[in-house]
């Protein structure tokens, strides 16, 4: 849609973590350095934390892209709240290990043999767990036990734990002392400052083939930083909406007025979602009365007002859906017209 209008080779602000769009801010450079230092240690745990949207998954993908696969067997796992036995099965599957027995003792024994076999082939195992804050303490303890494995005194299994700040609180709890002692490197990702927010936006635009169209007024970068607080995911979301707005309004220059308009739309949608959740909650908890049990006049009026509010919210949602449908149709018309040419 807007990528064609602005002659971009691809959309610059997609939410998916594409390593080609990895921006090496000062924070992310330091994070990579700490992770690479942890790799040179070859043992224990490396801990990386950050609030949602600060680029943890992008960091992991960029690291993995440049690792020596001949020396490392790498497994990347997205976690959910699973128990120790399920965690062990997930880890085994992540490395492509086919296990024959489901009981924990047999699985653990055969997986340890698999790790040692790979080590003798010259490859140690690196497990990277994204969203690791979801792991229960018992699962973390299972991981700690695996990091104790060695061949002729050389560690053969290392774990990178990547997650939100609560992960650090879990690991530094008083009952996790043994695991805490096995952490060889730790780093916390902070949001981008205002100057790096500008550099981040321009980097992603240039990576997507941007040649100065649309032009960005210098003031928009501070506006975007103020709204996003320097969080890359929020920057991506806002800039994607901004380019769409520019396309719909046929703008060649994106200024503070355009940013304010898009932010206003985003805030309205957030309010609408909140109202819908409240309406859904009140609907679930509402008591249905028969005519004989209608209650007082005030109660009946309140129910009517609640129903009107609910209908109003539904109408707003349908308007938003209609707008999206129109945008999709415009995009399809563009594809159809270019096909006829």
C-alpha atoms as a PDB file:
ATOM      1  CA  UNK A   1       0.000   0.000   0.000  1.00  0.00           C
ATOM      2  CA  UNK A   2       2.067   2.988   1.214  1.00  0.00           C
ATOM      3  CA  UNK A   3       5.339   1.249   0.272  1.00  0.00           C
ATOM      4  CA  UNK A   4       4.379   1.515  -3.398  1.00  0.00           C
ATOM      5  CA  UNK A   5       3.220   5.129  -3.029  1.00  0.00           C
ATOM      6  CA  UNK A   6       6.534   6.150  -1.458  1.00  0.00           C
ATOM      7  CA  UNK A   7       8.679   3.872  -3.705  1.00  0.00           C
ATOM      8  CA  UNK A   8       9.924   1.736  -0.820  1.00  0.00           C
ATOM      9  CA  UNK A   9      11.272  -1.753  -1.497  1.00  0.00           C
ATOM     10  CA  UNK A  10       9.469  -3.089   1.584  1.00  0.00           C
ATOM     11  CA  UNK A  11       7.650  -1.893   4.662  1.00  0.00           C
ATOM     12  CA  UNK A  12      10.225  -0.382   7.042  1.00  0.00           C
ATOM     13  CA  UNK A  13       8.316  -0.678  10.310  1.00  0.00           C
ATOM     14  CA  UNK A  14       6.936  -4.207  10.414  1.00  0.00           C
ATOM     15  CA  UNK A  15       6.612  -5.628  13.914  1.00  0.00           C
ATOM     16  CA  UNK A  16       8.252  -8.961  13.012  1.00  0.00           C
ATOM     17  CA  UNK A  17      11.907  -9.242  14.070  1.00  0.00           C
ATOM     18  CA  UNK A  18      13.927  -9.166  10.823  1.00  0.00           C
ATOM     19  CA  UNK A  19      17.714  -9.147  11.510  1.00  0.00           C
ATOM     20  CA  UNK A  20      18.258  -7.026   8.389  1.00  0.00           C
ATOM     21  CA  UNK A  21      16.542  -4.202  10.283  1.00  0.00           C
ATOM     22  CA  UNK A  22      18.637  -4.611  13.426  1.00  0.00           C
ATOM     23  CA  UNK A  23      19.697  -1.140  14.567  1.00  0.00           C
ATOM     24  CA  UNK A  24      22.863  -1.158  16.637  1.00  0.00           C
ATOM     25  CA  UNK A  25      22.064   1.516  19.175  1.00  0.00           C
ATOM     26  CA  UNK A  26      24.567   2.089  21.969  1.00  0.00           C
ATOM     27  CA  UNK A  27      22.367  -0.034  24.228  1.00  0.00           C
ATOM     28  CA  UNK A  28      22.029  -2.908  21.765  1.00  0.00           C
ATOM     29  CA  UNK A  29      25.749  -2.834  20.959  1.00  0.00           C
ATOM     30  CA  UNK A  30      26.550  -3.232  24.654  1.00  0.00           C
ATOM     31  CA  UNK A  31      23.995  -6.013  24.976  1.00  0.00           C
ATOM     32  CA  UNK A  32      25.612  -7.890  22.078  1.00  0.00           C
ATOM     33  CA  UNK A  33      29.031  -7.381  23.645  1.00  0.00           C
ATOM     34  CA  UNK A  34      27.850  -8.832  26.956  1.00  0.00           C
ATOM     35  CA  UNK A  35      26.257 -11.793  25.175  1.00  0.00           C
ATOM     36  CA  UNK A  36      29.413 -12.444  23.145  1.00  0.00           C
ATOM     37  CA  UNK A  37      31.498 -12.222  26.304  1.00  0.00           C
ATOM     38  CA  UNK A  38      29.188 -14.783  27.880  1.00  0.00           C
ATOM     39  CA  UNK A  39      29.711 -17.050  24.870  1.00  0.00           C
ATOM     40  CA  UNK A  40      33.489 -16.924  25.307  1.00  0.00           C
ATOM     41  CA  UNK A  41      33.011 -18.222  28.855  1.00  0.00           C
ATOM     42  CA  UNK A  42      31.248 -21.247  27.406  1.00  0.00           C
ATOM     43  CA  UNK A  43      29.352 -22.107  30.570  1.00  0.00           C
ATOM     44  CA  UNK A  44      26.550 -21.166  32.946  1.00  0.00           C
ATOM     45  CA  UNK A  45      23.887 -18.591  32.203  1.00  0.00           C
ATOM     46  CA  UNK A  46      23.776 -15.296  30.343  1.00  0.00           C
ATOM     47  CA  UNK A  47      20.877 -13.088  31.408  1.00  0.00           C
ATOM     48  CA  UNK A  48      19.351 -10.340  29.222  1.00  0.00           C
ATOM     49  CA  UNK A  49      16.260  -8.447  30.371  1.00  0.00           C
ATOM     50  CA  UNK A  50      14.182  -5.606  28.992  1.00  0.00           C
ATOM     51  CA  UNK A  51      10.654  -4.247  29.055  1.00  0.00           C
ATOM     52  CA  UNK A  52       8.229  -5.396  26.318  1.00  0.00           C
ATOM     53  CA  UNK A  53       9.114  -3.998  22.903  1.00  0.00           C
ATOM     54  CA  UNK A  54      12.728  -3.015  23.649  1.00  0.00           C
ATOM     55  CA  UNK A  55      14.148  -5.372  20.997  1.00  0.00           C
ATOM     56  CA  UNK A  56      15.039  -8.561  22.866  1.00  0.00           C
ATOM     57  CA  UNK A  57      13.869 -10.953  20.143  1.00  0.00           C
ATOM     58  CA  UNK A  58      15.602  -8.878  17.457  1.00  0.00           C
ATOM     59  CA  UNK A  59      18.774  -9.027  19.543  1.00  0.00           C
ATOM     60  CA  UNK A  60      18.564 -12.823  19.767  1.00  0.00           C
ATOM     61  CA  UNK A  61      18.028 -13.217  16.017  1.00  0.00           C
ATOM     62  CA  UNK A  62      20.928 -10.908  15.214  1.00  0.00           C
ATOM     63  CA  UNK A  63      23.229 -12.818  17.567  1.00  0.00           C
ATOM     64  CA  UNK A  64      22.254 -16.221  16.163  1.00  0.00           C
ATOM     65  CA  UNK A  65      22.689 -15.000  12.577  1.00  0.00           C
ATOM     66  CA  UNK A  66      26.405 -14.353  13.184  1.00  0.00           C
ATOM     67  CA  UNK A  67      27.343 -17.344  15.333  1.00  0.00           C
ATOM     68  CA  UNK A  68      29.613 -20.153  14.168  1.00  0.00           C
ATOM     69  CA  UNK A  69      27.211 -23.039  13.552  1.00  0.00           C
ATOM     70  CA  UNK A  70      30.120 -25.478  13.119  1.00  0.00           C
ATOM     71  CA  UNK A  71      31.130 -25.058  16.754  1.00  0.00           C
ATOM     72  CA  UNK A  72      27.686 -24.567  18.273  1.00  0.00           C
ATOM     73  CA  UNK A  73      24.421 -26.451  18.103  1.00  0.00           C
ATOM     74  CA  UNK A  74      21.920 -23.661  18.740  1.00  0.00           C
ATOM     75  CA  UNK A  75      18.370 -24.032  19.969  1.00  0.00           C
ATOM     76  CA  UNK A  76      15.992 -21.088  20.350  1.00  0.00           C
ATOM     77  CA  UNK A  77      12.909 -21.701  22.467  1.00  0.00           C
ATOM     78  CA  UNK A  78       9.891 -19.515  23.192  1.00  0.00           C
ATOM     79  CA  UNK A  79       8.562 -20.505  26.575  1.00  0.00           C
ATOM     80  CA  UNK A  80       5.180 -20.827  28.168  1.00  0.00           C
ATOM     81  CA  UNK A  81       4.359 -21.694  31.748  1.00  0.00           C
ATOM     82  CA  UNK A  82       5.271 -25.375  31.656  1.00  0.00           C
ATOM     83  CA  UNK A  83       6.496 -27.711  34.347  1.00  0.00           C
ATOM     84  CA  UNK A  84       9.996 -29.218  34.615  1.00  0.00           C
ATOM     85  CA  UNK A  85       9.227 -32.387  32.626  1.00  0.00           C
ATOM     86  CA  UNK A  86       7.548 -30.487  29.792  1.00  0.00           C
ATOM     87  CA  UNK A  87      10.425 -28.012  29.787  1.00  0.00           C
ATOM     88  CA  UNK A  88      12.876 -30.878  29.310  1.00  0.00           C
ATOM     89  CA  UNK A  89      10.805 -32.245  26.418  1.00  0.00           C
ATOM     90  CA  UNK A  90      10.649 -28.800  24.799  1.00  0.00           C
ATOM     91  CA  UNK A  91      14.423 -28.400  25.097  1.00  0.00           C
ATOM     92  CA  UNK A  92      15.046 -31.832  23.565  1.00  0.00           C
ATOM     93  CA  UNK A  93      12.689 -31.065  20.666  1.00  0.00           C
ATOM     94  CA  UNK A  94      14.325 -27.663  20.147  1.00  0.00           C
ATOM     95  CA  UNK A  95      17.624 -29.399  19.394  1.00  0.00           C
ATOM     96  CA  UNK A  96      15.951 -31.992  17.179  1.00  0.00           C
ATOM     97  CA  UNK A  97      16.551 -34.783  19.674  1.00  0.00           C
ATOM     98  CA  UNK A  98      14.173 -37.703  19.162  1.00  0.00           C
ATOM     99  CA  UNK A  99      13.429 -39.349  22.485  1.00  0.00           C
ATOM    100  CA  UNK A 100      11.860 -42.791  22.860  1.00  0.00           C
ATOM    101  CA  UNK A 101      10.740 -42.667  26.481  1.00  0.00           C
ATOM    102  CA  UNK A 102       8.422 -40.123  28.084  1.00  0.00           C
ATOM    103  CA  UNK A 103       9.381 -40.645  31.729  1.00  0.00           C
ATOM    104  CA  UNK A 104      11.658 -37.940  33.093  1.00  0.00           C
ATOM    105  CA  UNK A 105      14.540 -40.169  34.200  1.00  0.00           C
ATOM    106  CA  UNK A 106      14.877 -41.906  30.814  1.00  0.00           C
ATOM    107  CA  UNK A 107      14.477 -38.646  28.901  1.00  0.00           C
ATOM    108  CA  UNK A 108      17.100 -36.873  31.009  1.00  0.00           C
ATOM    109  CA  UNK A 109      19.548 -39.747  30.727  1.00  0.00           C
ATOM    110  CA  UNK A 110      19.226 -40.036  26.927  1.00  0.00           C
ATOM    111  CA  UNK A 111      19.380 -36.256  26.412  1.00  0.00           C
ATOM    112  CA  UNK A 112      22.559 -35.992  28.499  1.00  0.00           C
ATOM    113  CA  UNK A 113      24.117 -38.695  26.293  1.00  0.00           C
ATOM    114  CA  UNK A 114      23.055 -36.662  23.238  1.00  0.00           C
ATOM    115  CA  UNK A 115      24.770 -33.539  24.643  1.00  0.00           C
ATOM    116  CA  UNK A 116      27.987 -35.441  25.370  1.00  0.00           C
ATOM    117  CA  UNK A 117      27.948 -37.050  21.920  1.00  0.00           C
ATOM    118  CA  UNK A 118      27.668 -33.625  20.245  1.00  0.00           C
ATOM    119  CA  UNK A 119      30.499 -32.317  22.438  1.00  0.00           C
ATOM    120  CA  UNK A 120      32.779 -35.121  21.262  1.00  0.00           C
ATOM    121  CA  UNK A 121      31.916 -34.109  17.697  1.00  0.00           C
ATOM    122  CA  UNK A 122      33.247 -30.641  18.520  1.00  0.00           C
ATOM    123  CA  UNK A 123      29.918 -28.865  19.076  1.00  0.00           C
ATOM    124  CA  UNK A 124      28.600 -27.639  22.369  1.00  0.00           C
ATOM    125  CA  UNK A 125      24.921 -26.829  22.899  1.00  0.00           C
ATOM    126  CA  UNK A 126      23.667 -23.270  23.287  1.00  0.00           C
ATOM    127  CA  UNK A 127      20.057 -22.914  24.400  1.00  0.00           C
ATOM    128  CA  UNK A 128      18.479 -19.452  24.036  1.00  0.00           C
ATOM    129  CA  UNK A 129      15.149 -19.064  25.814  1.00  0.00           C
ATOM    130  CA  UNK A 130      13.061 -16.057  24.804  1.00  0.00           C
ATOM    131  CA  UNK A 131      10.263 -14.869  27.119  1.00  0.00           C
ATOM    132  CA  UNK A 132      12.055 -16.746  29.869  1.00  0.00           C
ATOM    133  CA  UNK A 133      10.152 -14.856  32.582  1.00  0.00           C
ATOM    134  CA  UNK A 134       7.396 -17.454  32.073  1.00  0.00           C
ATOM    135  CA  UNK A 135       9.556 -20.324  33.288  1.00  0.00           C
ATOM    136  CA  UNK A 136       8.717 -21.578  36.788  1.00  0.00           C
ATOM    137  CA  UNK A 137      11.534 -21.947  39.293  1.00  0.00           C
ATOM    138  CA  UNK A 138      11.506 -25.753  39.034  1.00  0.00           C
ATOM    139  CA  UNK A 139      12.210 -25.494  35.289  1.00  0.00           C
ATOM    140  CA  UNK A 140      15.052 -23.062  35.901  1.00  0.00           C
ATOM    141  CA  UNK A 141      16.510 -25.569  38.342  1.00  0.00           C
ATOM    142  CA  UNK A 142      16.373 -28.300  35.650  1.00  0.00           C
ATOM    143  CA  UNK A 143      18.327 -25.976  33.371  1.00  0.00           C
ATOM    144  CA  UNK A 144      20.898 -25.370  36.088  1.00  0.00           C
ATOM    145  CA  UNK A 145      21.465 -29.095  36.410  1.00  0.00           C
ATOM    146  CA  UNK A 146      22.066 -29.394  32.648  1.00  0.00           C
ATOM    147  CA  UNK A 147      24.691 -26.636  32.756  1.00  0.00           C
ATOM    148  CA  UNK A 148      26.693 -28.824  35.180  1.00  0.00           C
ATOM    149  CA  UNK A 149      27.461 -31.285  32.365  1.00  0.00           C
ATOM    150  CA  UNK A 150      31.056 -31.386  31.117  1.00  0.00           C
ATOM    151  CA  UNK A 151      33.359 -33.529  28.999  1.00  0.00           C
ATOM    152  CA  UNK A 152      36.895 -33.848  30.362  1.00  0.00           C
ATOM    153  CA  UNK A 153      36.294 -30.751  32.478  1.00  0.00           C
ATOM    154  CA  UNK A 154      34.943 -28.624  29.608  1.00  0.00           C
ATOM    155  CA  UNK A 155      31.337 -27.371  29.936  1.00  0.00           C
ATOM    156  CA  UNK A 156      29.125 -28.527  27.049  1.00  0.00           C
ATOM    157  CA  UNK A 157      25.746 -26.884  27.701  1.00  0.00           C
ATOM    158  CA  UNK A 158      25.112 -23.145  28.070  1.00  0.00           C
ATOM    159  CA  UNK A 159      21.864 -21.184  28.486  1.00  0.00           C
ATOM    160  CA  UNK A 160      20.891 -17.642  27.523  1.00  0.00           C
ATOM    161  CA  UNK A 161      17.819 -16.427  29.396  1.00  0.00           C
ATOM    162  CA  UNK A 162      16.075 -13.502  27.672  1.00  0.00           C
ATOM    163  CA  UNK A 163      12.975 -11.989  29.203  1.00  0.00           C
ATOM    164  CA  UNK A 164      11.133  -9.177  30.915  1.00  0.00           C
ATOM    165  CA  UNK A 165      12.367  -7.555  34.169  1.00  0.00           C
ATOM    166  CA  UNK A 166      10.472  -9.989  36.397  1.00  0.00           C
ATOM    167  CA  UNK A 167      12.872 -12.714  35.202  1.00  0.00           C
ATOM    168  CA  UNK A 168      15.701 -10.985  37.056  1.00  0.00           C
ATOM    169  CA  UNK A 169      13.579 -10.744  40.203  1.00  0.00           C
ATOM    170  CA  UNK A 170      12.896 -14.485  40.013  1.00  0.00           C
ATOM    171  CA  UNK A 171      16.544 -15.418  39.568  1.00  0.00           C
ATOM    172  CA  UNK A 172      17.763 -13.107  42.328  1.00  0.00           C
ATOM    173  CA  UNK A 173      15.280 -14.471  44.848  1.00  0.00           C
ATOM    174  CA  UNK A 174      16.832 -15.909  48.002  1.00  0.00           C
ATOM    175  CA  UNK A 175      15.891 -19.500  47.096  1.00  0.00           C
ATOM    176  CA  UNK A 176      17.670 -19.321  43.693  1.00  0.00           C
ATOM    177  CA  UNK A 177      21.190 -18.797  45.040  1.00  0.00           C
ATOM    178  CA  UNK A 178      22.718 -21.783  43.203  1.00  0.00           C
ATOM    179  CA  UNK A 179      21.473 -20.595  39.818  1.00  0.00           C
ATOM    180  CA  UNK A 180      22.467 -16.994  40.537  1.00  0.00           C
ATOM    181  CA  UNK A 181      26.049 -18.143  41.169  1.00  0.00           C
ATOM    182  CA  UNK A 182      26.168 -19.632  37.667  1.00  0.00           C
ATOM    183  CA  UNK A 183      25.373 -16.367  35.849  1.00  0.00           C
ATOM    184  CA  UNK A 184      28.451 -15.280  33.875  1.00  0.00           C
ATOM    185  CA  UNK A 185      27.010 -12.138  32.256  1.00  0.00           C
ATOM    186  CA  UNK A 186      23.914  -9.974  32.643  1.00  0.00           C
ATOM    187  CA  UNK A 187      22.509  -6.924  30.854  1.00  0.00           C
ATOM    188  CA  UNK A 188      19.315  -4.864  30.875  1.00  0.00           C
ATOM    189  CA  UNK A 189      17.988  -3.210  27.696  1.00  0.00           C
ATOM    190  CA  UNK A 190      16.906   0.399  28.158  1.00  0.00           C
ATOM    191  CA  UNK A 191      14.748   2.348  25.651  1.00  0.00           C
ATOM    192  CA  UNK A 192      16.332   4.612  23.013  1.00  0.00           C
ATOM    193  CA  UNK A 193      17.013   8.255  23.761  1.00  0.00           C
ATOM    194  CA  UNK A 194      15.628  10.991  21.484  1.00  0.00           C
ATOM    195  CA  UNK A 195      18.641  11.180  19.161  1.00  0.00           C
ATOM    196  CA  UNK A 196      18.796   7.400  18.755  1.00  0.00           C
ATOM    197  CA  UNK A 197      15.051   7.322  18.102  1.00  0.00           C
ATOM    198  CA  UNK A 198      15.688   9.596  15.113  1.00  0.00           C
ATOM    199  CA  UNK A 199      18.636   7.473  13.952  1.00  0.00           C
ATOM    200  CA  UNK A 200      16.568   4.303  14.380  1.00  0.00           C
ATOM    201  CA  UNK A 201      13.723   5.647  12.224  1.00  0.00           C
ATOM    202  CA  UNK A 202      16.072   6.843   9.471  1.00  0.00           C
ATOM    203  CA  UNK A 203      18.001   3.551   9.528  1.00  0.00           C
ATOM    204  CA  UNK A 204      14.862   1.480   9.016  1.00  0.00           C
ATOM    205  CA  UNK A 205      13.643   3.792   6.267  1.00  0.00           C
ATOM    206  CA  UNK A 206      16.971   3.601   4.435  1.00  0.00           C
ATOM    207  CA  UNK A 207      17.076  -0.189   4.814  1.00  0.00           C
ATOM    208  CA  UNK A 208      13.658  -0.270   3.104  1.00  0.00           C
ATOM    209  CA  UNK A 209      14.919   1.778   0.146  1.00  0.00           C
ATOM    210  CA  UNK A 210      13.774   5.241   1.267  1.00  0.00           C
ATOM    211  CA  UNK A 211      15.106   8.033  -0.962  1.00  0.00           C
ATOM    212  CA  UNK A 212      13.706  11.053   0.808  1.00  0.00           C
ATOM    213  CA  UNK A 213      10.024  10.554  -0.021  1.00  0.00           C
ATOM    214  CA  UNK A 214       8.165  11.282   2.151  1.00  0.00           C
ATOM    215  CA  UNK A 215      10.187  14.032   3.765  1.00  0.00           C
ATOM    216  CA  UNK A 216      10.199  14.027   7.574  1.00  0.00           C
ATOM    217  CA  UNK A 217       9.978  17.404   9.263  1.00  0.00           C
ATOM    218  CA  UNK A 218      12.781  17.613  11.900  1.00  0.00           C
ATOM    219  CA  UNK A 219      10.245  18.112  14.709  1.00  0.00           C
ATOM    220  CA  UNK A 220       8.469  14.786  14.160  1.00  0.00           C
ATOM    221  CA  UNK A 221      11.278  12.772  15.722  1.00  0.00           C
ATOM    222  CA  UNK A 222      10.871  14.355  19.149  1.00  0.00           C
ATOM    223  CA  UNK A 223       7.080  13.918  18.847  1.00  0.00           C
ATOM    224  CA  UNK A 224       7.524  10.225  18.069  1.00  0.00           C
ATOM    225  CA  UNK A 225       9.992   9.794  20.933  1.00  0.00           C
ATOM    226  CA  UNK A 226       7.633  11.499  23.387  1.00  0.00           C
ATOM    227  CA  UNK A 227       4.778   9.152  22.445  1.00  0.00           C
ATOM    228  CA  UNK A 228       6.827   5.938  22.239  1.00  0.00           C
ATOM    229  CA  UNK A 229       9.180   6.656  25.170  1.00  0.00           C
ATOM    230  CA  UNK A 230      11.941   5.281  22.950  1.00  0.00           C
ATOM    231  CA  UNK A 231      10.514   1.743  22.829  1.00  0.00           C
ATOM    232  CA  UNK A 232      11.291   0.282  19.371  1.00  0.00           C
ATOM    233  CA  UNK A 233       8.031  -1.640  19.027  1.00  0.00           C
ATOM    234  CA  UNK A 234       5.955   1.457  19.781  1.00  0.00           C
ATOM    235  CA  UNK A 235       8.101   3.491  17.378  1.00  0.00           C
ATOM    236  CA  UNK A 236       7.446   0.890  14.668  1.00  0.00           C
ATOM    237  CA  UNK A 237       3.719   0.870  15.299  1.00  0.00           C
ATOM    238  CA  UNK A 238       3.406   4.660  15.231  1.00  0.00           C
ATOM    239  CA  UNK A 239       5.642   5.143  12.170  1.00  0.00           C
ATOM    240  CA  UNK A 240       3.767   2.452  10.247  1.00  0.00           C
ATOM    241  CA  UNK A 241       0.495   4.254  10.980  1.00  0.00           C
ATOM    242  CA  UNK A 242       2.106   7.593  10.089  1.00  0.00           C
ATOM    243  CA  UNK A 243       3.177   6.360   6.648  1.00  0.00           C
ATOM    244  CA  UNK A 244      -0.281   4.908   6.060  1.00  0.00           C
ATOM    245  CA  UNK A 245      -1.818   8.254   7.009  1.00  0.00           C
ATOM    246  CA  UNK A 246       0.573  10.014   4.637  1.00  0.00           C
ATOM    247  CA  UNK A 247      -0.439   7.681   1.830  1.00  0.00           C
ATOM    248  CA  UNK A 248      -4.164   8.183   2.419  1.00  0.00           C
ATOM    249  CA  UNK A 249      -3.744  11.966   2.586  1.00  0.00           C
ATOM    250  CA  UNK A 250      -1.215  11.962  -0.293  1.00  0.00           C
ATOM    251  CA  UNK A 251       1.371  13.817   1.783  1.00  0.00           C
ATOM    252  CA  UNK A 252       4.917  14.409   0.569  1.00  0.00           C
ATOM    253  CA  UNK A 253       5.973  15.877   3.930  1.00  0.00           C
ATOM    254  CA  UNK A 254       5.164  14.326   7.302  1.00  0.00           C
ATOM    255  CA  UNK A 255       5.113  16.987  10.022  1.00  0.00           C
ATOM    256  CA  UNK A 256       4.074  17.342  13.654  1.00  0.00           C
ATOM    257  CA  UNK A 257       0.461  17.924  12.632  1.00  0.00           C
ATOM    258  CA  UNK A 258       0.371  14.538  10.892  1.00  0.00           C
ATOM    259  CA  UNK A 259       1.970  12.833  13.899  1.00  0.00           C
ATOM    260  CA  UNK A 260      -0.531  14.443  16.276  1.00  0.00           C
ATOM    261  CA  UNK A 261      -3.413  13.276  14.077  1.00  0.00           C
ATOM    262  CA  UNK A 262      -2.152   9.682  14.067  1.00  0.00           C
ATOM    263  CA  UNK A 263      -1.504   9.732  17.821  1.00  0.00           C
ATOM    264  CA  UNK A 264      -5.027  11.037  18.353  1.00  0.00           C
ATOM    265  CA  UNK A 265      -6.422   8.121  16.307  1.00  0.00           C
ATOM    266  CA  UNK A 266      -4.331   5.608  18.236  1.00  0.00           C
ATOM    267  CA  UNK A 267      -5.480   7.044  21.576  1.00  0.00           C
ATOM    268  CA  UNK A 268      -9.114   6.936  20.434  1.00  0.00           C
ATOM    269  CA  UNK A 269      -8.756   3.282  19.474  1.00  0.00           C
ATOM    270  CA  UNK A 270      -7.224   2.496  22.852  1.00  0.00           C
ATOM    271  CA  UNK A 271     -10.129   4.240  24.599  1.00  0.00           C
ATOM    272  CA  UNK A 272     -12.585   2.330  22.422  1.00  0.00           C
ATOM    273  CA  UNK A 273     -10.963  -0.971  23.348  1.00  0.00           C
ATOM    274  CA  UNK A 274     -11.133  -0.055  27.032  1.00  0.00           C
ATOM    275  CA  UNK A 275     -14.831   0.856  26.714  1.00  0.00           C
ATOM    276  CA  UNK A 276     -15.557  -2.396  24.869  1.00  0.00           C
ATOM    277  CA  UNK A 277     -13.857  -4.391  27.613  1.00  0.00           C
ATOM    278  CA  UNK A 278     -15.843  -2.549  30.260  1.00  0.00           C
ATOM    279  CA  UNK A 279     -19.080  -3.042  28.324  1.00  0.00           C
ATOM    280  CA  UNK A 280     -18.352  -6.741  27.859  1.00  0.00           C
ATOM    281  CA  UNK A 281     -17.605  -7.063  31.557  1.00  0.00           C
ATOM    282  CA  UNK A 282     -20.811  -5.309  32.568  1.00  0.00           C
ATOM    283  CA  UNK A 283     -22.819  -7.395  30.095  1.00  0.00           C
ATOM    284  CA  UNK A 284     -21.460 -10.612  31.570  1.00  0.00           C
ATOM    285  CA  UNK A 285     -22.292  -9.528  35.083  1.00  0.00           C
ATOM    286  CA  UNK A 286     -25.689  -8.040  34.277  1.00  0.00           C
ATOM    287  CA  UNK A 287     -28.746  -9.796  35.672  1.00  0.00           C
ATOM    288  CA  UNK A 288     -31.577 -10.490  33.224  1.00  0.00           C
ATOM    289  CA  UNK A 289     -34.981  -9.580  34.591  1.00  0.00           C
ATOM    290  CA  UNK A 290     -38.396 -10.669  33.440  1.00  0.00           C
ATOM    291  CA  UNK A 291     -41.092  -8.014  33.106  1.00  0.00           C
ATOM    292  CA  UNK A 292     -42.420  -8.945  36.531  1.00  0.00           C
ATOM    293  CA  UNK A 293     -38.923  -8.532  38.044  1.00  0.00           C
ATOM    294  CA  UNK A 294     -37.945  -5.362  36.190  1.00  0.00           C
ATOM    295  CA  UNK A 295     -37.061  -3.502  39.353  1.00  0.00           C
ATOM    296  CA  UNK A 296     -37.468   0.192  40.049  1.00  0.00           C
ATOM    297  CA  UNK A 297     -37.676   2.907  37.400  1.00  0.00           C
ATOM    298  CA  UNK A 298     -34.104   3.983  38.163  1.00  0.00           C
ATOM    299  CA  UNK A 299     -32.825   0.431  37.681  1.00  0.00           C
ATOM    300  CA  UNK A 300     -34.636   0.073  34.359  1.00  0.00           C
ATOM    301  CA  UNK A 301     -33.240   3.415  33.158  1.00  0.00           C
ATOM    302  CA  UNK A 302     -29.731   2.367  34.146  1.00  0.00           C
ATOM    303  CA  UNK A 303     -30.062  -0.846  32.141  1.00  0.00           C
ATOM    304  CA  UNK A 304     -31.295   1.102  29.120  1.00  0.00           C
ATOM    305  CA  UNK A 305     -28.339   3.509  29.409  1.00  0.00           C
ATOM    306  CA  UNK A 306     -25.917   0.580  29.648  1.00  0.00           C
ATOM    307  CA  UNK A 307     -27.445  -0.995  26.559  1.00  0.00           C
ATOM    308  CA  UNK A 308     -27.224   2.280  24.616  1.00  0.00           C
ATOM    309  CA  UNK A 309     -23.551   2.613  25.584  1.00  0.00           C
ATOM    310  CA  UNK A 310     -22.924  -0.964  24.483  1.00  0.00           C
ATOM    311  CA  UNK A 311     -24.605  -0.318  21.103  1.00  0.00           C
ATOM    312  CA  UNK A 312     -22.566   2.861  20.699  1.00  0.00           C
ATOM    313  CA  UNK A 313     -19.349   0.942  21.293  1.00  0.00           C
ATOM    314  CA  UNK A 314     -20.386  -1.722  18.780  1.00  0.00           C
ATOM    315  CA  UNK A 315     -21.123   0.985  16.193  1.00  0.00           C
ATOM    316  CA  UNK A 316     -17.689   2.556  16.727  1.00  0.00           C
ATOM    317  CA  UNK A 317     -16.037  -0.819  16.338  1.00  0.00           C
ATOM    318  CA  UNK A 318     -17.940  -1.468  13.107  1.00  0.00           C
ATOM    319  CA  UNK A 319     -16.833   1.939  11.787  1.00  0.00           C
ATOM    320  CA  UNK A 320     -13.203   1.016  12.515  1.00  0.00           C
ATOM    321  CA  UNK A 321     -13.635  -2.333  10.773  1.00  0.00           C
ATOM    322  CA  UNK A 322     -15.269  -0.622   7.794  1.00  0.00           C
ATOM    323  CA  UNK A 323     -12.334   1.784   7.527  1.00  0.00           C
ATOM    324  CA  UNK A 324      -9.911  -1.149   7.522  1.00  0.00           C
ATOM    325  CA  UNK A 325     -11.997  -2.899   4.854  1.00  0.00           C
ATOM    326  CA  UNK A 326     -11.865   0.216   2.668  1.00  0.00           C
ATOM    327  CA  UNK A 327      -8.081   0.384   3.062  1.00  0.00           C
ATOM    328  CA  UNK A 328      -7.748  -3.287   2.105  1.00  0.00           C
ATOM    329  CA  UNK A 329     -10.007  -2.730  -0.914  1.00  0.00           C
ATOM    330  CA  UNK A 330      -7.884   0.253  -1.996  1.00  0.00           C
ATOM    331  CA  UNK A 331      -4.819  -1.944  -1.767  1.00  0.00           C
ATOM    332  CA  UNK A 332      -6.481  -4.717  -3.793  1.00  0.00           C
ATOM    333  CA  UNK A 333      -7.613  -2.197  -6.425  1.00  0.00           C
ATOM    334  CA  UNK A 334      -4.004  -1.045  -6.756  1.00  0.00           C
ATOM    335  CA  UNK A 335      -2.831  -4.643  -7.261  1.00  0.00           C
ATOM    336  CA  UNK A 336      -5.609  -5.275  -9.799  1.00  0.00           C
ATOM    337  CA  UNK A 337      -4.861  -2.101 -11.771  1.00  0.00           C
ATOM    338  CA  UNK A 338      -1.138  -2.865 -11.900  1.00  0.00           C
ATOM    339  CA  UNK A 339      -1.984  -6.393 -13.071  1.00  0.00           C
ATOM    340  CA  UNK A 340      -4.034  -5.021 -15.978  1.00  0.00           C
ATOM    341  CA  UNK A 341      -1.105  -2.884 -17.066  1.00  0.00           C
END
